Amino acid sequence: MQRSATRLSRILACAAVPVMLVAAGCSSDSGDSGKPQGGATTSAAPVPTPTKTVEAARFAKLPDVCKSVSAKTTATLVPKAKTKNGTPAASSDLASRGGCSWNGLEDKGVHGSHYRWLDVSFYRYDSDVSLGSGQDRAQENLAKELAKVQETPGAKKLRTTTAAGVGDEAQAVSYQLRKTDEDFVYTSVVARTGNVLVLLSFNGAGYAGAIGPTDKQIMDGAVKAAKEAVAAVAAANK
């Protein structure tokens, strides 16, 4: 009986070893799986979205448009102007847009009369993350305004040239237009300085037998006035 009991004890002891090893093995697998207990899952930290930036607008304000071209220049280009200091255009936001014009008829007696008209307009564009920088917006609108001038109904002998020395970029469009039974000579300058667009138009005609201005006279006058207008933008922002 004693031998049988001893032998039975050994058999039970040996049988218990695999059970312990299996238990240990399961415990080890659970601990090495790398998964959090309770079935929880992990996720990567969110990557922050870069903040979109845009180049700052160069100019924050516009000059007084009626003073952007000197009194000496306006008197030369438009003799006998009805309003010597210019007529301002209506604007609901003078920080973003404004205009001024001069027109006059110089009576030469029996030699007829000379009519001249000068108009200057400014448009300032702010930088916007959804629309682009003020400089880019002004450049885009320069192309649009230039196209409008080039498509002037009834324009003859239309010619587009680069207006050298006027702002960051500028184009001058010269053409002739028949109005009030007279041939008018025009030059329109579309210029950009930073985030500001400068639109200038100068034209003239001769009445009652007076000889009208030449293309060169109108072109030279328009470019001179445009240079002064562009310089006024920089001066206003010092």
Protein backbone atom coordinates (compact mmCIF):
# COMPACT_ATOMS: atom_id res chain seq x y z
CA MET A 1 0.00 0.00 0.00
CA GLN A 2 2.79 2.38 0.85
CA ARG A 3 4.51 1.72 -2.51
CA SER A 4 1.27 2.22 -4.36
CA ALA A 5 0.67 5.53 -2.57
CA THR A 6 4.20 6.71 -3.28
CA ARG A 7 3.93 5.79 -6.92
CA LEU A 8 0.56 7.55 -7.23
CA SER A 9 2.06 10.70 -5.70
CA ARG A 10 4.87 10.72 -8.26
CA ILE A 11 2.43 10.26 -11.16
CA LEU A 12 0.27 13.17 -9.92
CA ALA A 13 3.33 15.37 -9.44
CA CYS A 14 4.57 14.71 -12.97
CA ALA A 15 1.11 15.28 -14.42
CA ALA A 16 0.92 18.65 -12.72
CA VAL A 17 4.09 19.98 -14.43
CA PRO A 18 2.62 20.39 -17.95
CA VAL A 19 -0.44 22.16 -16.52
CA MET A 20 1.76 24.75 -14.79
CA LEU A 21 3.87 25.23 -17.92
CA VAL A 22 0.78 25.78 -20.05
CA ALA A 23 -0.57 28.27 -17.53
CA ALA A 24 2.76 30.07 -17.46
CA GLY A 25 2.91 30.09 -21.25
CA CYS A 26 -0.56 31.67 -21.57
CA SER A 27 0.34 34.26 -18.97
CA SER A 28 3.52 35.07 -20.89
CA ASP A 29 1.69 35.42 -24.23
CA SER A 30 -0.84 37.78 -22.71
CA GLY A 31 1.86 39.94 -21.18
CA ASP A 32 4.01 40.19 -24.37
CA SER A 33 1.24 40.96 -26.85
CA GLY A 34 1.76 44.74 -26.46
CA LYS A 35 -1.98 45.37 -26.33
CA PRO A 36 -3.44 47.36 -23.45
CA GLN A 37 -5.56 45.44 -21.02
CA GLY A 38 -9.32 45.66 -21.26
CA GLY A 39 -9.30 45.70 -25.11
CA ALA A 40 -8.35 49.41 -25.36
CA THR A 41 -6.78 50.62 -28.62
CA THR A 42 -4.17 53.33 -29.21
CA SER A 43 -4.12 56.04 -31.95
CA ALA A 44 -1.37 58.32 -33.32
CA ALA A 45 -1.31 61.94 -32.14
CA PRO A 46 -2.98 64.33 -34.67
CA VAL A 47 -0.59 66.21 -36.94
CA PRO A 48 -1.21 69.99 -36.64
CA THR A 49 -2.29 71.72 -39.89
CA PRO A 50 0.23 74.40 -40.94
CA THR A 51 -1.15 77.94 -40.68
CA LYS A 52 -1.50 79.49 -44.14
CA THR A 53 0.28 82.82 -44.51
CA VAL A 54 0.24 85.50 -47.20
CA GLU A 55 2.61 88.34 -48.04
CA ALA A 56 1.62 91.58 -46.33
CA ALA A 57 0.25 94.41 -48.47
CA ARG A 58 2.91 97.03 -49.19
CA PHE A 59 0.74 100.14 -48.89
CA ALA A 60 -1.88 100.76 -46.20
CA LYS A 61 -3.46 103.93 -47.58
CA LEU A 62 -4.02 106.06 -50.67
CA PRO A 63 -3.05 109.67 -51.31
CA ASP A 64 -5.50 112.49 -51.90
CA VAL A 65 -6.19 111.74 -55.56
CA CYS A 66 -6.77 115.35 -56.57
CA LYS A 67 -3.31 116.18 -55.20
CA SER A 68 -1.57 113.12 -56.64
CA VAL A 69 -0.71 115.03 -59.82
CA SER A 70 0.95 118.40 -59.27
CA ALA A 71 -0.94 121.62 -59.94
CA LYS A 72 1.77 122.60 -62.44
CA THR A 73 1.25 119.41 -64.43
CA THR A 74 -2.54 119.58 -64.45
CA ALA A 75 -2.40 123.25 -65.52
CA THR A 76 -0.12 122.29 -68.43
CA LEU A 77 -2.14 119.28 -69.52
CA VAL A 78 -5.57 120.83 -69.01
CA PRO A 79 -5.42 124.61 -69.60
CA LYS A 80 -8.51 126.48 -68.46
CA ALA A 81 -9.77 123.56 -66.39
CA LYS A 82 -13.28 124.13 -65.08
CA THR A 83 -12.10 123.15 -61.61
CA LYS A 84 -8.45 123.99 -61.10
CA ASN A 85 -8.02 121.62 -58.15
CA GLY A 86 -9.88 118.78 -59.82
CA THR A 87 -13.27 117.18 -59.27
CA PRO A 88 -13.14 114.21 -56.86
CA ALA A 89 -15.07 111.08 -57.74
CA ALA A 90 -17.61 109.75 -55.26
CA SER A 91 -16.25 106.93 -53.11
CA SER A 92 -17.66 105.06 -50.12
CA ASP A 93 -14.18 103.89 -49.06
CA LEU A 94 -11.40 106.38 -49.71
CA ALA A 95 -8.85 104.00 -48.13
CA SER A 96 -9.45 101.51 -50.96
CA ARG A 97 -10.46 103.56 -54.00
CA GLY A 98 -10.69 107.11 -55.19
CA GLY A 99 -10.61 109.26 -58.30
CA CYS A 100 -10.27 112.81 -59.59
CA SER A 101 -10.70 114.49 -62.97
CA TRP A 102 -9.93 117.75 -64.76
CA ASN A 103 -11.47 118.98 -68.00
CA GLY A 104 -11.45 122.27 -69.83
CA LEU A 105 -11.89 124.04 -73.15
CA GLU A 106 -9.24 126.58 -74.07
CA ASP A 107 -10.68 129.15 -76.47
CA LYS A 108 -8.25 130.29 -79.18
CA GLY A 109 -10.66 132.72 -80.81
CA VAL A 110 -10.66 132.47 -84.60
CA HIS A 111 -8.22 129.59 -84.32
CA GLY A 112 -10.78 127.39 -82.61
CA SER A 113 -10.66 125.72 -79.20
CA HIS A 114 -8.61 122.99 -77.55
CA TYR A 115 -10.37 120.49 -75.31
CA ARG A 116 -8.47 118.38 -72.75
CA TRP A 117 -9.58 115.84 -70.17
CA LEU A 118 -7.51 114.07 -67.48
CA ASP A 119 -8.74 111.39 -65.10
CA VAL A 120 -6.88 109.52 -62.35
CA SER A 121 -8.17 106.60 -60.28
CA PHE A 122 -6.58 104.53 -57.49
CA TYR A 123 -7.52 101.04 -56.28
CA ARG A 124 -5.82 99.50 -53.24
CA TYR A 125 -5.98 95.77 -52.49
CA ASP A 126 -5.45 94.21 -49.06
CA SER A 127 -3.81 90.83 -48.54
CA ASP A 128 -6.20 87.98 -47.79
CA VAL A 129 -5.36 84.32 -47.10
CA SER A 130 -8.25 83.20 -49.30
CA LEU A 131 -7.66 85.71 -52.13
CA GLY A 132 -3.88 86.13 -52.11
CA SER A 133 -1.51 88.98 -51.41
CA GLY A 134 -2.43 92.57 -52.19
CA GLN A 135 0.37 92.68 -54.76
CA ASP A 136 -0.95 89.59 -56.59
CA ARG A 137 -4.52 90.89 -56.53
CA ALA A 138 -3.43 94.23 -57.99
CA GLN A 139 -1.48 92.42 -60.69
CA GLU A 140 -4.50 90.30 -61.61
CA ASN A 141 -6.71 93.37 -61.87
CA LEU A 142 -4.13 95.20 -63.94
CA ALA A 143 -4.55 92.55 -66.63
CA LYS A 144 -8.33 92.90 -66.47
CA GLU A 145 -8.29 96.69 -66.68
CA LEU A 146 -5.81 96.61 -69.55
CA ALA A 147 -8.09 94.25 -71.46
CA LYS A 148 -11.04 96.63 -70.94
CA VAL A 149 -9.11 99.55 -72.44
CA GLN A 150 -7.93 97.45 -75.38
CA GLU A 151 -11.56 96.52 -76.09
CA THR A 152 -12.83 100.14 -76.19
CA PRO A 153 -15.72 100.20 -78.68
CA GLY A 154 -14.95 102.26 -81.79
CA ALA A 155 -11.24 102.67 -80.99
CA LYS A 156 -8.99 103.15 -84.02
CA LYS A 157 -5.22 102.92 -84.43
CA LEU A 158 -5.00 101.22 -81.03
CA ARG A 159 -1.46 100.53 -79.85
CA THR A 160 -0.18 99.12 -76.55
CA THR A 161 3.34 99.84 -75.28
CA THR A 162 5.23 99.45 -72.02
CA ALA A 163 5.31 102.63 -69.95
CA ALA A 164 8.89 102.50 -68.70
CA GLY A 165 9.66 103.92 -65.27
CA VAL A 166 6.06 103.93 -64.05
CA GLY A 167 5.66 101.86 -60.86
CA ASP A 168 6.43 98.14 -60.75
CA GLU A 169 4.77 97.59 -64.12
CA ALA A 170 2.70 99.70 -66.51
CA GLN A 171 1.17 99.60 -69.95
CA ALA A 172 0.09 102.57 -72.05
CA VAL A 173 -2.67 102.22 -74.64
CA SER A 174 -3.03 104.93 -77.29
CA TYR A 175 -5.95 105.15 -79.72
CA GLN A 176 -8.29 107.51 -81.53
CA LEU A 177 -12.03 107.81 -81.01
CA ARG A 178 -14.63 109.78 -82.94
CA LYS A 179 -16.93 111.77 -80.61
CA THR A 180 -19.10 114.86 -81.03
CA ASP A 181 -18.05 114.93 -84.69
CA GLU A 182 -14.40 115.37 -83.71
CA ASP A 183 -11.42 113.01 -83.61
CA PHE A 184 -10.19 112.56 -80.03
CA VAL A 185 -6.71 111.30 -79.24
CA TYR A 186 -6.46 109.08 -76.14
CA THR A 187 -3.80 107.52 -73.96
CA SER A 188 -4.72 105.30 -71.02
CA VAL A 189 -2.04 104.17 -68.58
CA VAL A 190 -2.65 101.11 -66.41
CA ALA A 191 0.06 100.89 -63.74
CA ARG A 192 0.77 98.95 -60.56
CA THR A 193 2.85 99.99 -57.58
CA GLY A 194 2.84 97.30 -54.90
CA ASN A 195 -0.77 96.54 -54.01
CA VAL A 196 -2.14 99.71 -55.63
CA LEU A 197 -3.51 99.98 -59.15
CA VAL A 198 -3.32 103.36 -60.89
CA LEU A 199 -5.60 104.02 -63.86
CA LEU A 200 -5.01 107.24 -65.77
CA SER A 201 -6.64 108.53 -68.94
CA PHE A 202 -5.71 111.66 -70.88
CA ASN A 203 -7.37 112.79 -74.09
CA GLY A 204 -7.98 115.83 -76.23
CA ALA A 205 -9.40 117.21 -79.46
CA GLY A 206 -9.53 120.39 -81.50
CA TYR A 207 -12.82 122.23 -82.05
CA ALA A 208 -13.94 124.83 -84.58
CA GLY A 209 -10.95 124.38 -86.83
CA ALA A 210 -8.29 124.02 -84.13
CA ILE A 211 -5.65 121.40 -84.81
CA GLY A 212 -5.99 118.48 -82.40
CA PRO A 213 -3.13 117.14 -80.27
CA THR A 214 -0.70 114.59 -81.65
CA ASP A 215 -0.43 111.03 -80.35
CA LYS A 216 2.97 111.87 -78.87
CA GLN A 217 1.69 114.92 -77.00
CA ILE A 218 -1.08 112.94 -75.37
CA MET A 219 1.17 109.94 -74.66
CA ASP A 220 3.92 112.06 -73.09
CA GLY A 221 1.41 113.95 -70.95
CA ALA A 222 -0.29 110.77 -69.75
CA VAL A 223 2.98 109.06 -68.78
CA LYS A 224 4.23 112.16 -66.95
CA ALA A 225 1.02 112.40 -64.91
CA ALA A 226 1.08 108.65 -64.21
CA LYS A 227 4.61 108.85 -62.80
CA GLU A 228 3.53 111.60 -60.41
CA ALA A 229 0.45 109.62 -59.34
CA VAL A 230 2.52 106.51 -58.61
CA ALA A 231 5.06 108.55 -56.62
CA ALA A 232 2.21 110.03 -54.57
CA VAL A 233 1.27 106.54 -53.32
CA ALA A 234 4.72 105.96 -51.85
CA ALA A 235 4.80 109.48 -50.37
CA ALA A 236 1.45 108.95 -48.66
CA ASN A 237 2.75 105.83 -46.90
CA LYS A 238 6.02 107.18 -45.50
